[in-house]
Amino acid sequence: MKNPNTVVTWVDARDRLPRSGTPVAAAITGRYPPDSVPESDTALGEEFWLVRPMYFTTLHWSEDGAEHRESFVDSDGIVRLPYGLTCAETVTHWAELPTLPGGTTHVVLGKDAWGARPIT
């Protein structure tokens, strides 16, 4: 078996965005809702970081009919915007998904995941 280790290059979302339709790992930042205790140092809630698999798209229509441009969308249909734009949780960095171990395939979707043909 080939070496399964890989190097991932993170890109600042303020500098460059991926091509439309590209599946990526997205680094997301936001704040948890504040606790019910109204103390001045917790009024904004606690900051968090999260990495999620998402895809980038130049145009996305949510189930409620809302139009989103230049956005990252996860498997639950949650839309997150690049850092600096108005959004509760923003994508600060993104990285192309690494190849699957031993090959050149980055992602396999739908029925192809069960052995038909991989998408590269």
PDB file of N, CA and C in Angstrom:
ATOM      1  N   MET A   1       0.841  -1.173   0.000  1.00  0.00           N
ATOM      2  CA  MET A   1       0.000   0.000   0.000  1.00  0.00           C
ATOM      3  C   MET A   1       0.890   1.242   0.000  1.00  0.00           C
ATOM      4  N   LYS A   2       0.467   2.225  -0.740  1.00  0.00           N
ATOM      5  CA  LYS A   2       1.196   3.492  -0.768  1.00  0.00           C
ATOM      6  C   LYS A   2       1.051   4.189   0.578  1.00  0.00           C
ATOM      7  N   ASN A   3       1.934   5.143   0.822  1.00  0.00           N
ATOM      8  CA  ASN A   3       1.901   5.908   2.054  1.00  0.00           C
ATOM      9  C   ASN A   3       0.570   6.668   2.145  1.00  0.00           C
ATOM     10  N   PRO A   4      -0.249   6.430   3.178  1.00  0.00           N
ATOM     11  CA  PRO A   4      -1.555   7.096   3.277  1.00  0.00           C
ATOM     12  C   PRO A   4      -1.475   8.525   3.813  1.00  0.00           C
ATOM     13  N   ASN A   5      -0.275   8.983   4.210  1.00  0.00           N
ATOM     14  CA  ASN A   5      -0.136  10.343   4.727  1.00  0.00           C
ATOM     15  C   ASN A   5      -0.212  11.350   3.590  1.00  0.00           C
ATOM     16  N   THR A   6      -0.717  12.525   3.897  1.00  0.00           N
ATOM     17  CA  THR A   6      -0.846  13.571   2.888  1.00  0.00           C
ATOM     18  C   THR A   6      -0.612  14.931   3.514  1.00  0.00           C
ATOM     19  N   VAL A   7      -0.339  15.908   2.696  1.00  0.00           N
ATOM     20  CA  VAL A   7      -0.173  17.282   3.149  1.00  0.00           C
ATOM     21  C   VAL A   7      -1.373  18.073   2.658  1.00  0.00           C
ATOM     22  N   VAL A   8      -1.973  18.819   3.561  1.00  0.00           N
ATOM     23  CA  VAL A   8      -3.129  19.648   3.216  1.00  0.00           C
ATOM     24  C   VAL A   8      -2.704  21.106   3.303  1.00  0.00           C
ATOM     25  N   THR A   9      -3.037  21.884   2.279  1.00  0.00           N
ATOM     26  CA  THR A   9      -2.711  23.301   2.257  1.00  0.00           C
ATOM     27  C   THR A   9      -3.978  24.101   2.523  1.00  0.00           C
ATOM     28  N   TRP A  10      -3.973  24.871   3.611  1.00  0.00           N
ATOM     29  CA  TRP A  10      -5.112  25.707   3.967  1.00  0.00           C
ATOM     30  C   TRP A  10      -4.991  27.054   3.264  1.00  0.00           C
ATOM     31  N   VAL A  11      -6.102  27.536   2.726  1.00  0.00           N
ATOM     32  CA  VAL A  11      -6.150  28.807   2.004  1.00  0.00           C
ATOM     33  C   VAL A  11      -7.037  29.771   2.784  1.00  0.00           C
ATOM     34  N   ASP A  12      -6.565  30.971   3.000  1.00  0.00           N
ATOM     35  CA  ASP A  12      -7.344  32.006   3.672  1.00  0.00           C
ATOM     36  C   ASP A  12      -8.504  32.399   2.749  1.00  0.00           C
ATOM     37  N   ALA A  13      -9.729  32.315   3.252  1.00  0.00           N
ATOM     38  CA  ALA A  13     -10.911  32.612   2.439  1.00  0.00           C
ATOM     39  C   ALA A  13     -10.972  34.081   2.022  1.00  0.00           C
ATOM     40  N   ARG A  14     -10.215  34.941   2.679  1.00  0.00           N
ATOM     41  CA  ARG A  14     -10.171  36.355   2.270  1.00  0.00           C
ATOM     42  C   ARG A  14      -9.291  36.540   1.043  1.00  0.00           C
ATOM     43  N   ASP A  15      -8.362  35.588   0.827  1.00  0.00           N
ATOM     44  CA  ASP A  15      -7.418  35.705  -0.288  1.00  0.00           C
ATOM     45  C   ASP A  15      -7.930  35.061  -1.574  1.00  0.00           C
ATOM     46  N   ARG A  16      -8.575  33.917  -1.418  1.00  0.00           N
ATOM     47  CA  ARG A  16      -8.997  33.172  -2.617  1.00  0.00           C
ATOM     48  C   ARG A  16     -10.105  32.203  -2.236  1.00  0.00           C
ATOM     49  N   LEU A  17     -11.034  31.987  -3.161  1.00  0.00           N
ATOM     50  CA  LEU A  17     -12.116  31.027  -2.957  1.00  0.00           C
ATOM     51  C   LEU A  17     -11.949  29.877  -3.937  1.00  0.00           C
ATOM     52  N   PRO A  18     -12.474  28.694  -3.590  1.00  0.00           N
ATOM     53  CA  PRO A  18     -12.353  27.549  -4.506  1.00  0.00           C
ATOM     54  C   PRO A  18     -13.257  27.707  -5.727  1.00  0.00           C
ATOM     55  N   ARG A  19     -13.057  26.829  -6.712  1.00  0.00           N
ATOM     56  CA  ARG A  19     -13.935  26.800  -7.882  1.00  0.00           C
ATOM     57  C   ARG A  19     -15.325  26.337  -7.450  1.00  0.00           C
ATOM     58  N   SER A  20     -16.342  26.794  -8.131  1.00  0.00           N
ATOM     59  CA  SER A  20     -17.709  26.399  -7.813  1.00  0.00           C
ATOM     60  C   SER A  20     -17.874  24.886  -7.968  1.00  0.00           C
ATOM     61  N   GLY A  21     -18.487  24.264  -6.975  1.00  0.00           N
ATOM     62  CA  GLY A  21     -18.713  22.828  -6.981  1.00  0.00           C
ATOM     63  C   GLY A  21     -17.612  22.021  -6.323  1.00  0.00           C
ATOM     64  N   THR A  22     -16.543  22.670  -5.894  1.00  0.00           N
ATOM     65  CA  THR A  22     -15.409  21.976  -5.296  1.00  0.00           C
ATOM     66  C   THR A  22     -15.725  21.532  -3.868  1.00  0.00           C
ATOM     67  N   PRO A  23     -15.561  20.232  -3.561  1.00  0.00           N
ATOM     68  CA  PRO A  23     -15.702  19.786  -2.169  1.00  0.00           C
ATOM     69  C   PRO A  23     -14.443  20.175  -1.403  1.00  0.00           C
ATOM     70  N   VAL A  24     -14.625  20.719  -0.200  1.00  0.00           N
ATOM     71  CA  VAL A  24     -13.501  21.212   0.589  1.00  0.00           C
ATOM     72  C   VAL A  24     -13.670  20.851   2.062  1.00  0.00           C
ATOM     73  N   ALA A  25     -12.587  20.971   2.798  1.00  0.00           N
ATOM     74  CA  ALA A  25     -12.639  20.995   4.255  1.00  0.00           C
ATOM     75  C   ALA A  25     -12.677  22.477   4.604  1.00  0.00           C
ATOM     76  N   ALA A  26     -13.659  22.893   5.396  1.00  0.00           N
ATOM     77  CA  ALA A  26     -13.824  24.305   5.711  1.00  0.00           C
ATOM     78  C   ALA A  26     -13.628  24.541   7.205  1.00  0.00           C
ATOM     79  N   ALA A  27     -12.762  25.483   7.546  1.00  0.00           N
ATOM     80  CA  ALA A  27     -12.555  25.883   8.937  1.00  0.00           C
ATOM     81  C   ALA A  27     -13.552  26.991   9.248  1.00  0.00           C
ATOM     82  N   ILE A  28     -14.398  26.738  10.225  1.00  0.00           N
ATOM     83  CA  ILE A  28     -15.500  27.637  10.560  1.00  0.00           C
ATOM     84  C   ILE A  28     -15.270  28.210  11.952  1.00  0.00           C
ATOM     85  N   THR A  29     -15.587  29.480  12.122  1.00  0.00           N
ATOM     86  CA  THR A  29     -15.543  30.093  13.443  1.00  0.00           C
ATOM     87  C   THR A  29     -16.879  30.766  13.721  1.00  0.00           C
ATOM     88  N   GLY A  30     -17.199  30.842  14.992  1.00  0.00           N
ATOM     89  CA  GLY A  30     -18.439  31.482  15.431  1.00  0.00           C
ATOM     90  C   GLY A  30     -18.448  31.566  16.942  1.00  0.00           C
ATOM     91  N   ARG A  31     -19.610  31.856  17.499  1.00  0.00           N
ATOM     92  CA  ARG A  31     -19.758  31.918  18.958  1.00  0.00           C
ATOM     93  C   ARG A  31     -20.994  31.128  19.362  1.00  0.00           C
ATOM     94  N   TYR A  32     -20.836  30.352  20.444  1.00  0.00           N
ATOM     95  CA  TYR A  32     -21.991  29.694  21.034  1.00  0.00           C
ATOM     96  C   TYR A  32     -22.903  30.773  21.598  1.00  0.00           C
ATOM     97  N   PRO A  33     -24.192  30.487  21.679  1.00  0.00           N
ATOM     98  CA  PRO A  33     -25.078  31.483  22.318  1.00  0.00           C
ATOM     99  C   PRO A  33     -24.634  31.725  23.760  1.00  0.00           C
ATOM    100  N   PRO A  34     -24.848  32.928  24.266  1.00  0.00           N
ATOM    101  CA  PRO A  34     -24.442  33.206  25.645  1.00  0.00           C
ATOM    102  C   PRO A  34     -25.222  32.351  26.631  1.00  0.00           C
ATOM    103  N   ASP A  35     -24.588  32.069  27.770  1.00  0.00           N
ATOM    104  CA  ASP A  35     -25.275  31.358  28.844  1.00  0.00           C
ATOM    105  C   ASP A  35     -26.415  32.218  29.372  1.00  0.00           C
ATOM    106  N   SER A  36     -27.303  31.600  30.127  1.00  0.00           N
ATOM    107  CA  SER A  36     -28.429  32.348  30.679  1.00  0.00           C
ATOM    108  C   SER A  36     -27.996  33.329  31.767  1.00  0.00           C
ATOM    109  N   VAL A  37     -26.775  33.148  32.303  1.00  0.00           N
ATOM    110  CA  VAL A  37     -26.267  34.061  33.318  1.00  0.00           C
ATOM    111  C   VAL A  37     -25.716  35.310  32.624  1.00  0.00           C
ATOM    112  N   PRO A  38     -26.320  36.469  32.832  1.00  0.00           N
ATOM    113  CA  PRO A  38     -25.878  37.698  32.132  1.00  0.00           C
ATOM    114  C   PRO A  38     -24.649  38.327  32.775  1.00  0.00           C
ATOM    115  N   GLU A  39     -23.474  37.753  32.543  1.00  0.00           N
ATOM    116  CA  GLU A  39     -22.232  38.339  33.036  1.00  0.00           C
ATOM    117  C   GLU A  39     -21.542  39.029  31.868  1.00  0.00           C
ATOM    118  N   SER A  40     -20.868  40.113  32.127  1.00  0.00           N
ATOM    119  CA  SER A  40     -20.292  40.922  31.060  1.00  0.00           C
ATOM    120  C   SER A  40     -19.269  40.157  30.217  1.00  0.00           C
ATOM    121  N   ASP A  41     -18.471  39.255  30.828  1.00  0.00           N
ATOM    122  CA  ASP A  41     -17.441  38.564  30.051  1.00  0.00           C
ATOM    123  C   ASP A  41     -18.012  37.394  29.241  1.00  0.00           C
ATOM    124  N   THR A  42     -19.246  36.974  29.488  1.00  0.00           N
ATOM    125  CA  THR A  42     -19.840  35.881  28.711  1.00  0.00           C
ATOM    126  C   THR A  42     -21.017  36.360  27.861  1.00  0.00           C
ATOM    127  N   ALA A  43     -21.217  37.675  27.779  1.00  0.00           N
ATOM    128  CA  ALA A  43     -22.366  38.219  27.059  1.00  0.00           C
ATOM    129  C   ALA A  43     -22.363  37.838  25.582  1.00  0.00           C
ATOM    130  N   LEU A  44     -21.188  37.625  24.998  1.00  0.00           N
ATOM    131  CA  LEU A  44     -21.115  37.269  23.587  1.00  0.00           C
ATOM    132  C   LEU A  44     -21.066  35.770  23.361  1.00  0.00           C
ATOM    133  N   GLY A  45     -20.996  34.982  24.416  1.00  0.00           N
ATOM    134  CA  GLY A  45     -20.868  33.542  24.260  1.00  0.00           C
ATOM    135  C   GLY A  45     -19.420  33.152  24.051  1.00  0.00           C
ATOM    136  N   GLU A  46     -19.192  31.863  23.940  1.00  0.00           N
ATOM    137  CA  GLU A  46     -17.828  31.356  23.788  1.00  0.00           C
ATOM    138  C   GLU A  46     -17.498  31.118  22.320  1.00  0.00           C
ATOM    139  N   GLU A  47     -16.311  31.559  21.898  1.00  0.00           N
ATOM    140  CA  GLU A  47     -15.866  31.377  20.517  1.00  0.00           C
ATOM    141  C   GLU A  47     -15.545  29.902  20.262  1.00  0.00           C
ATOM    142  N   PHE A  48     -15.830  29.422  19.049  1.00  0.00           N
ATOM    143  CA  PHE A  48     -15.483  28.050  18.698  1.00  0.00           C
ATOM    144  C   PHE A  48     -14.886  27.989  17.301  1.00  0.00           C
ATOM    145  N   TRP A  49     -14.167  26.889  17.040  1.00  0.00           N
ATOM    146  CA  TRP A  49     -13.621  26.566  15.717  1.00  0.00           C
ATOM    147  C   TRP A  49     -14.087  25.170  15.381  1.00  0.00           C
ATOM    148  N   LEU A  50     -14.373  24.935  14.127  1.00  0.00           N
ATOM    149  CA  LEU A  50     -14.883  23.649  13.672  1.00  0.00           C
ATOM    150  C   LEU A  50     -14.403  23.423  12.248  1.00  0.00           C
ATOM    151  N   VAL A  51     -14.071  22.196  11.900  1.00  0.00           N
ATOM    152  CA  VAL A  51     -13.736  21.872  10.514  1.00  0.00           C
ATOM    153  C   VAL A  51     -14.790  20.896  10.002  1.00  0.00           C
ATOM    154  N   ARG A  52     -15.414  21.250   8.872  1.00  0.00           N
ATOM    155  CA  ARG A  52     -16.492  20.444   8.295  1.00  0.00           C
ATOM    156  C   ARG A  52     -16.234  20.210   6.813  1.00  0.00           C
ATOM    157  N   PRO A  53     -16.652  19.037   6.310  1.00  0.00           N
ATOM    158  CA  PRO A  53     -16.624  18.860   4.858  1.00  0.00           C
ATOM    159  C   PRO A  53     -17.781  19.659   4.254  1.00  0.00           C
ATOM    160  N   MET A  54     -17.492  20.423   3.235  1.00  0.00           N
ATOM    161  CA  MET A  54     -18.494  21.264   2.588  1.00  0.00           C
ATOM    162  C   MET A  54     -18.177  21.333   1.101  1.00  0.00           C
ATOM    163  N   TYR A  55     -19.014  22.010   0.367  1.00  0.00           N
ATOM    164  CA  TYR A  55     -18.663  22.338  -1.010  1.00  0.00           C
ATOM    165  C   TYR A  55     -18.889  23.825  -1.198  1.00  0.00           C
ATOM    166  N   PHE A  56     -18.133  24.398  -2.122  1.00  0.00           N
ATOM    167  CA  PHE A  56     -18.249  25.816  -2.407  1.00  0.00           C
ATOM    168  C   PHE A  56     -19.083  25.993  -3.662  1.00  0.00           C
ATOM    169  N   THR A  57     -19.920  27.004  -3.674  1.00  0.00           N
ATOM    170  CA  THR A  57     -20.734  27.275  -4.850  1.00  0.00           C
ATOM    171  C   THR A  57     -20.878  28.782  -5.053  1.00  0.00           C
ATOM    172  N   THR A  58     -20.947  29.193  -6.310  1.00  0.00           N
ATOM    173  CA  THR A  58     -21.143  30.610  -6.606  1.00  0.00           C
ATOM    174  C   THR A  58     -22.611  31.004  -6.484  1.00  0.00           C
ATOM    175  N   LEU A  59     -23.527  30.012  -6.562  1.00  0.00           N
ATOM    176  CA  LEU A  59     -24.958  30.288  -6.417  1.00  0.00           C
ATOM    177  C   LEU A  59     -25.641  29.086  -5.779  1.00  0.00           C
ATOM    178  N   HIS A  60     -26.350  29.327  -4.678  1.00  0.00           N
ATOM    179  CA  HIS A  60     -27.059  28.258  -3.978  1.00  0.00           C
ATOM    180  C   HIS A  60     -28.442  28.769  -3.578  1.00  0.00           C
ATOM    181  N   TRP A  61     -29.463  27.944  -3.798  1.00  0.00           N
ATOM    182  CA  TRP A  61     -30.819  28.274  -3.373  1.00  0.00           C
ATOM    183  C   TRP A  61     -31.168  27.385  -2.184  1.00  0.00           C
ATOM    184  N   SER A  62     -31.461  27.989  -1.034  1.00  0.00           N
ATOM    185  CA  SER A  62     -31.861  27.240   0.157  1.00  0.00           C
ATOM    186  C   SER A  62     -33.272  26.700  -0.033  1.00  0.00           C
ATOM    187  N   GLU A  63     -33.649  25.757   0.835  1.00  0.00           N
ATOM    188  CA  GLU A  63     -34.996  25.185   0.769  1.00  0.00           C
ATOM    189  C   GLU A  63     -36.078  26.239   0.953  1.00  0.00           C
ATOM    190  N   ASP A  64     -35.753  27.319   1.682  1.00  0.00           N
ATOM    191  CA  ASP A  64     -36.736  28.386   1.899  1.00  0.00           C
ATOM    192  C   ASP A  64     -36.779  29.379   0.738  1.00  0.00           C
ATOM    193  N   GLY A  65     -36.000  29.125  -0.318  1.00  0.00           N
ATOM    194  CA  GLY A  65     -35.996  29.983  -1.490  1.00  0.00           C
ATOM    195  C   GLY A  65     -34.973  31.104  -1.452  1.00  0.00           C
ATOM    196  N   ALA A  66     -34.217  31.202  -0.359  1.00  0.00           N
ATOM    197  CA  ALA A  66     -33.212  32.262  -0.256  1.00  0.00           C
ATOM    198  C   ALA A  66     -32.054  31.995  -1.211  1.00  0.00           C
ATOM    199  N   GLU A  67     -31.564  33.051  -1.827  1.00  0.00           N
ATOM    200  CA  GLU A  67     -30.435  32.962  -2.754  1.00  0.00           C
ATOM    201  C   GLU A  67     -29.148  33.300  -2.019  1.00  0.00           C
ATOM    202  N   HIS A  68     -28.122  32.453  -2.191  1.00  0.00           N
ATOM    203  CA  HIS A  68     -26.823  32.682  -1.562  1.00  0.00           C
ATOM    204  C   HIS A  68     -25.762  32.667  -2.653  1.00  0.00           C
ATOM    205  N   ARG A  69     -24.896  33.656  -2.646  1.00  0.00           N
ATOM    206  CA  ARG A  69     -23.798  33.730  -3.614  1.00  0.00           C
ATOM    207  C   ARG A  69     -22.465  33.579  -2.895  1.00  0.00           C
ATOM    208  N   GLU A  70     -21.492  32.960  -3.596  1.00  0.00           N
ATOM    209  CA  GLU A  70     -20.148  32.801  -3.038  1.00  0.00           C
ATOM    210  C   GLU A  70     -20.225  32.223  -1.625  1.00  0.00           C
ATOM    211  N   SER A  71     -20.741  30.995  -1.501  1.00  0.00           N
ATOM    212  CA  SER A  71     -20.959  30.424  -0.180  1.00  0.00           C
ATOM    213  C   SER A  71     -20.498  28.975  -0.096  1.00  0.00           C
ATOM    214  N   PHE A  72     -20.316  28.527   1.141  1.00  0.00           N
ATOM    215  CA  PHE A  72     -19.966  27.151   1.451  1.00  0.00           C
ATOM    216  C   PHE A  72     -21.212  26.475   1.999  1.00  0.00           C
ATOM    217  N   VAL A  73     -21.499  25.248   1.557  1.00  0.00           N
ATOM    218  CA  VAL A  73     -22.710  24.545   1.967  1.00  0.00           C
ATOM    219  C   VAL A  73     -22.316  23.168   2.499  1.00  0.00           C
ATOM    220  N   ASP A  74     -22.873  22.791   3.666  1.00  0.00           N
ATOM    221  CA  ASP A  74     -22.558  21.468   4.201  1.00  0.00           C
ATOM    222  C   ASP A  74     -23.645  20.465   3.830  1.00  0.00           C
ATOM    223  N   SER A  75     -23.479  19.226   4.262  1.00  0.00           N
ATOM    224  CA  SER A  75     -24.393  18.149   3.870  1.00  0.00           C
ATOM    225  C   SER A  75     -25.803  18.334   4.423  1.00  0.00           C
ATOM    226  N   ASP A  76     -25.956  19.162   5.452  1.00  0.00           N
ATOM    227  CA  ASP A  76     -27.275  19.457   6.010  1.00  0.00           C
ATOM    228  C   ASP A  76     -27.919  20.664   5.344  1.00  0.00           C
ATOM    229  N   GLY A  77     -27.254  21.240   4.347  1.00  0.00           N
ATOM    230  CA  GLY A  77     -27.782  22.405   3.655  1.00  0.00           C
ATOM    231  C   GLY A  77     -27.516  23.720   4.382  1.00  0.00           C
ATOM    232  N   ILE A  78     -26.697  23.670   5.439  1.00  0.00           N
ATOM    233  CA  ILE A  78     -26.355  24.895   6.162  1.00  0.00           C
ATOM    234  C   ILE A  78     -25.381  25.705   5.310  1.00  0.00           C
ATOM    235  N   VAL A  79     -25.697  26.976   5.119  1.00  0.00           N
ATOM    236  CA  VAL A  79     -24.882  27.870   4.289  1.00  0.00           C
ATOM    237  C   VAL A  79     -24.019  28.734   5.202  1.00  0.00           C
ATOM    238  N   ARG A  80     -22.742  28.780   4.889  1.00  0.00           N
ATOM    239  CA  ARG A  80     -21.810  29.638   5.614  1.00  0.00           C
ATOM    240  C   ARG A  80     -21.056  30.483   4.589  1.00  0.00           C
ATOM    241  N   LEU A  81     -20.835  31.730   4.935  1.00  0.00           N
ATOM    242  CA  LEU A  81     -20.180  32.667   4.027  1.00  0.00           C
ATOM    243  C   LEU A  81     -18.704  32.785   4.363  1.00  0.00           C
ATOM    244  N   PRO A  82     -17.908  33.248   3.408  1.00  0.00           N
ATOM    245  CA  PRO A  82     -16.491  33.494   3.681  1.00  0.00           C
ATOM    246  C   PRO A  82     -16.323  34.547   4.777  1.00  0.00           C
ATOM    247  N   TYR A  83     -15.227  34.451   5.513  1.00  0.00           N
ATOM    248  CA  TYR A  83     -14.917  35.363   6.610  1.00  0.00           C
ATOM    249  C   TYR A  83     -14.995  36.808   6.151  1.00  0.00           C
ATOM    250  N   GLY A  84     -15.574  37.648   6.987  1.00  0.00           N
ATOM    251  CA  GLY A  84     -15.702  39.069   6.673  1.00  0.00           C
ATOM    252  C   GLY A  84     -17.086  39.440   6.201  1.00  0.00           C
ATOM    253  N   LEU A  85     -17.867  38.448   5.754  1.00  0.00           N
ATOM    254  CA  LEU A  85     -19.233  38.731   5.331  1.00  0.00           C
ATOM    255  C   LEU A  85     -20.172  38.475   6.512  1.00  0.00           C
ATOM    256  N   THR A  86     -21.362  39.057   6.470  1.00  0.00           N
ATOM    257  CA  THR A  86     -22.298  38.942   7.578  1.00  0.00           C
ATOM    258  C   THR A  86     -22.885  37.542   7.655  1.00  0.00           C
ATOM    259  N   CYS A  87     -22.504  36.826   8.722  1.00  0.00           N
ATOM    260  CA  CYS A  87     -22.957  35.456   8.938  1.00  0.00           C
ATOM    261  C   CYS A  87     -22.588  35.085  10.373  1.00  0.00           C
ATOM    262  N   ALA A  88     -23.435  34.325  11.061  1.00  0.00           N
ATOM    263  CA  ALA A  88     -23.152  33.937  12.449  1.00  0.00           C
ATOM    264  C   ALA A  88     -21.926  33.035  12.538  1.00  0.00           C
ATOM    265  N   GLU A  89     -21.748  32.178  11.545  1.00  0.00           N
ATOM    266  CA  GLU A  89     -20.590  31.285  11.485  1.00  0.00           C
ATOM    267  C   GLU A  89     -19.952  31.477  10.116  1.00  0.00           C
ATOM    268  N   THR A  90     -18.686  31.856  10.092  1.00  0.00           N
ATOM    269  CA  THR A  90     -18.029  32.129   8.821  1.00  0.00           C
ATOM    270  C   THR A  90     -16.892  31.148   8.562  1.00  0.00           C
ATOM    271  N   VAL A  91     -16.576  30.948   7.295  1.00  0.00           N
ATOM    272  CA  VAL A  91     -15.464  30.101   6.886  1.00  0.00           C
ATOM    273  C   VAL A  91     -14.225  30.986   6.786  1.00  0.00           C
ATOM    274  N   THR A  92     -13.233  30.700   7.621  1.00  0.00           N
ATOM    275  CA  THR A  92     -12.004  31.495   7.602  1.00  0.00           C
ATOM    276  C   THR A  92     -10.981  30.930   6.631  1.00  0.00           C
ATOM    277  N   HIS A  93     -10.910  29.601   6.532  1.00  0.00           N
ATOM    278  CA  HIS A  93      -9.939  28.927   5.677  1.00  0.00           C
ATOM    279  C   HIS A  93     -10.595  27.705   5.048  1.00  0.00           C
ATOM    280  N   TRP A  94     -10.062  27.284   3.917  1.00  0.00           N
ATOM    281  CA  TRP A  94     -10.549  26.079   3.258  1.00  0.00           C
ATOM    282  C   TRP A  94      -9.357  25.323   2.676  1.00  0.00           C
ATOM    283  N   ALA A  95      -9.564  24.039   2.458  1.00  0.00           N
ATOM    284  CA  ALA A  95      -8.528  23.198   1.856  1.00  0.00           C
ATOM    285  C   ALA A  95      -9.198  22.184   0.945  1.00  0.00           C
ATOM    286  N   GLU A  96      -8.553  21.920  -0.190  1.00  0.00           N
ATOM    287  CA  GLU A  96      -9.058  20.848  -1.042  1.00  0.00           C
ATOM    288  C   GLU A  96      -8.961  19.552  -0.263  1.00  0.00           C
ATOM    289  N   LEU A  97      -9.927  18.686  -0.445  1.00  0.00           N
ATOM    290  CA  LEU A  97      -9.880  17.407   0.247  1.00  0.00           C
ATOM    291  C   LEU A  97      -8.676  16.620  -0.239  1.00  0.00           C
ATOM    292  N   PRO A  98      -7.977  15.943   0.663  1.00  0.00           N
ATOM    293  CA  PRO A  98      -6.843  15.130   0.223  1.00  0.00           C
ATOM    294  C   PRO A  98      -7.349  13.943  -0.591  1.00  0.00           C
ATOM    295  N   THR A  99      -6.453  13.331  -1.332  1.00  0.00           N
ATOM    296  CA  THR A  99      -6.849  12.150  -2.102  1.00  0.00           C
ATOM    297  C   THR A  99      -7.101  10.982  -1.159  1.00  0.00           C
ATOM    298  N   LEU A 100      -7.929  10.057  -1.588  1.00  0.00           N
ATOM    299  CA  LEU A 100      -8.162   8.847  -0.813  1.00  0.00           C
ATOM    300  C   LEU A 100      -6.864   8.043  -0.804  1.00  0.00           C
ATOM    301  N   PRO A 101      -6.585   7.297   0.268  1.00  0.00           N
ATOM    302  CA  PRO A 101      -5.316   6.576   0.370  1.00  0.00           C
ATOM    303  C   PRO A 101      -5.028   5.702  -0.847  1.00  0.00           C
ATOM    304  N   GLY A 102      -3.812   5.836  -1.375  1.00  0.00           N
ATOM    305  CA  GLY A 102      -3.359   4.990  -2.467  1.00  0.00           C
ATOM    306  C   GLY A 102      -3.859   5.373  -3.841  1.00  0.00           C
ATOM    307  N   GLY A 103      -4.464   6.541  -4.002  1.00  0.00           N
ATOM    308  CA  GLY A 103      -4.993   6.894  -5.316  1.00  0.00           C
ATOM    309  C   GLY A 103      -4.945   8.382  -5.580  1.00  0.00           C
ATOM    310  N   THR A 104      -5.673   8.793  -6.605  1.00  0.00           N
ATOM    311  CA  THR A 104      -5.730  10.200  -6.979  1.00  0.00           C
ATOM    312  C   THR A 104      -7.137  10.759  -6.831  1.00  0.00           C
ATOM    313  N   THR A 105      -8.050   9.975  -6.279  1.00  0.00           N
ATOM    314  CA  THR A 105      -9.443  10.377  -6.138  1.00  0.00           C
ATOM    315  C   THR A 105      -9.630  11.234  -4.890  1.00  0.00           C
ATOM    316  N   HIS A 106     -10.311  12.370  -5.036  1.00  0.00           N
ATOM    317  CA  HIS A 106     -10.579  13.260  -3.908  1.00  0.00           C
ATOM    318  C   HIS A 106     -11.942  13.006  -3.289  1.00  0.00           C
ATOM    319  N   VAL A 107     -12.912  12.580  -4.092  1.00  0.00           N
ATOM    320  CA  VAL A 107     -14.274  12.405  -3.585  1.00  0.00           C
ATOM    321  C   VAL A 107     -15.004  11.387  -4.452  1.00  0.00           C
ATOM    322  N   VAL A 108     -15.864  10.615  -3.811  1.00  0.00           N
ATOM    323  CA  VAL A 108     -16.715   9.659  -4.522  1.00  0.00           C
ATOM    324  C   VAL A 108     -18.130   9.935  -4.042  1.00  0.00           C
ATOM    325  N   LEU A 109     -19.058  10.152  -4.971  1.00  0.00           N
ATOM    326  CA  LEU A 109     -20.405  10.559  -4.609  1.00  0.00           C
ATOM    327  C   LEU A 109     -21.474   9.555  -5.040  1.00  0.00           C
ATOM    328  N   GLY A 110     -22.596   9.546  -4.325  1.00  0.00           N
ATOM    329  CA  GLY A 110     -23.771   8.771  -4.694  1.00  0.00           C
ATOM    330  C   GLY A 110     -23.502   7.300  -4.906  1.00  0.00           C
ATOM    331  N   LYS A 111     -24.126   6.738  -5.940  1.00  0.00           N
ATOM    332  CA  LYS A 111     -23.978   5.307  -6.212  1.00  0.00           C
ATOM    333  C   LYS A 111     -22.534   4.933  -6.539  1.00  0.00           C
ATOM    334  N   ASP A 112     -21.732   5.929  -6.985  1.00  0.00           N
ATOM    335  CA  ASP A 112     -20.326   5.656  -7.297  1.00  0.00           C
ATOM    336  C   ASP A 112     -19.529   5.270  -6.052  1.00  0.00           C
ATOM    337  N   ALA A 113     -20.041   5.621  -4.873  1.00  0.00           N
ATOM    338  CA  ALA A 113     -19.339   5.297  -3.638  1.00  0.00           C
ATOM    339  C   ALA A 113     -19.306   3.790  -3.385  1.00  0.00           C
ATOM    340  N   TRP A 114     -20.162   3.032  -4.046  1.00  0.00           N
ATOM    341  CA  TRP A 114     -20.255   1.598  -3.826  1.00  0.00           C
ATOM    342  C   TRP A 114     -19.571   0.802  -4.914  1.00  0.00           C
ATOM    343  N   GLY A 115     -18.567   1.391  -5.568  1.00  0.00           N
ATOM    344  CA  GLY A 115     -17.721   0.613  -6.460  1.00  0.00           C
ATOM    345  C   GLY A 115     -17.891   0.851  -7.935  1.00  0.00           C
ATOM    346  N   ALA A 116     -18.798   1.712  -8.357  1.00  0.00           N
ATOM    347  CA  ALA A 116     -18.947   1.948  -9.788  1.00  0.00           C
ATOM    348  C   ALA A 116     -17.678   2.645 -10.300  1.00  0.00           C
ATOM    349  N   ARG A 117     -17.683   3.920 -10.482  1.00  0.00           N
ATOM    350  CA  ARG A 117     -16.472   4.621 -10.933  1.00  0.00           C
ATOM    351  C   ARG A 117     -16.238   5.834 -10.034  1.00  0.00           C
ATOM    352  N   PRO A 118     -15.001   6.024  -9.568  1.00  0.00           N
ATOM    353  CA  PRO A 118     -14.712   7.180  -8.716  1.00  0.00           C
ATOM    354  C   PRO A 118     -14.679   8.470  -9.523  1.00  0.00           C
ATOM    355  N   ILE A 119     -15.024   9.556  -8.860  1.00  0.00           N
ATOM    356  CA  ILE A 119     -14.941  10.883  -9.455  1.00  0.00           C
ATOM    357  C   ILE A 119     -13.641  11.505  -9.003  1.00  0.00           C
ATOM    358  N   THR A 120     -12.799  11.952  -9.936  1.00  0.00           N
ATOM    359  CA  THR A 120     -11.511  12.540  -9.553  1.00  0.00           C
ATOM    360  C   THR A 120     -11.510  14.023  -9.793  1.00  0.00           C
TER     361      THR A 120
END
